[in-house]
């Protein structure tokens, strides 16, 4: 049985793009919050 926990044998099985992940997360959250804010403002004007 080979040592499956040896990190030297798992060099780069799944390449990760951390910067792109962070940028997508920030962008998605910013877009979501912008839509939420716009909806809240519109609802406030409808109510008042």
Protein backbone atom coordinates (compact mmCIF):
# COMPACT_ATOMS: atom_id res chain seq x y z
CA UNK A 1 0.00 0.00 0.00
CA UNK A 2 1.45 3.35 -1.02
CA UNK A 3 1.46 6.33 1.30
CA UNK A 4 -1.51 8.36 0.06
CA UNK A 5 -0.85 11.18 2.55
CA UNK A 6 2.61 11.95 1.18
CA UNK A 7 2.33 15.51 -0.23
CA UNK A 8 5.22 14.95 -2.65
CA UNK A 9 3.09 12.56 -4.69
CA UNK A 10 0.24 15.06 -5.07
CA UNK A 11 2.03 17.86 -6.84
CA UNK A 12 -0.71 19.80 -8.62
CA UNK A 13 -3.68 17.53 -9.18
CA UNK A 14 -6.22 20.35 -9.19
CA UNK A 15 -4.77 23.74 -10.14
CA UNK A 16 -6.28 26.49 -8.05
CA UNK A 17 -6.73 30.08 -9.13
CA UNK A 18 -6.99 31.79 -5.77
CA UNK A 19 -6.89 35.36 -7.06
CA UNK A 20 -9.63 34.68 -9.61
CA UNK A 21 -11.71 32.95 -6.92
CA UNK A 22 -11.35 35.94 -4.60
CA UNK A 23 -12.14 38.40 -7.39
CA UNK A 24 -15.20 36.40 -8.43
CA UNK A 25 -16.37 36.24 -4.83
CA UNK A 26 -15.92 39.97 -4.28
CA UNK A 27 -17.56 40.77 -7.62
CA UNK A 28 -20.48 38.45 -7.03
CA UNK A 29 -21.07 39.75 -3.52
CA UNK A 30 -20.78 43.37 -4.70
CA UNK A 31 -23.32 42.72 -7.47
CA UNK A 32 -25.68 40.96 -5.09
CA UNK A 33 -25.47 43.75 -2.51
CA UNK A 34 -25.98 46.40 -5.22
CA UNK A 35 -29.15 44.67 -6.43
CA UNK A 36 -30.33 44.26 -2.85
CA UNK A 37 -29.68 47.95 -2.10
CA UNK A 38 -31.49 49.09 -5.26
CA UNK A 39 -34.47 46.87 -4.43
CA UNK A 40 -34.60 48.24 -0.86
CA UNK A 41 -34.55 51.83 -2.13
CA UNK A 42 -37.29 51.13 -4.68
CA UNK A 43 -39.44 49.35 -2.07
CA UNK A 44 -38.94 52.26 0.36
CA UNK A 45 -40.12 54.76 -2.25
CA UNK A 46 -43.14 52.57 -3.08
CA UNK A 47 -44.09 52.33 0.60
CA UNK A 48 -43.70 56.04 1.36
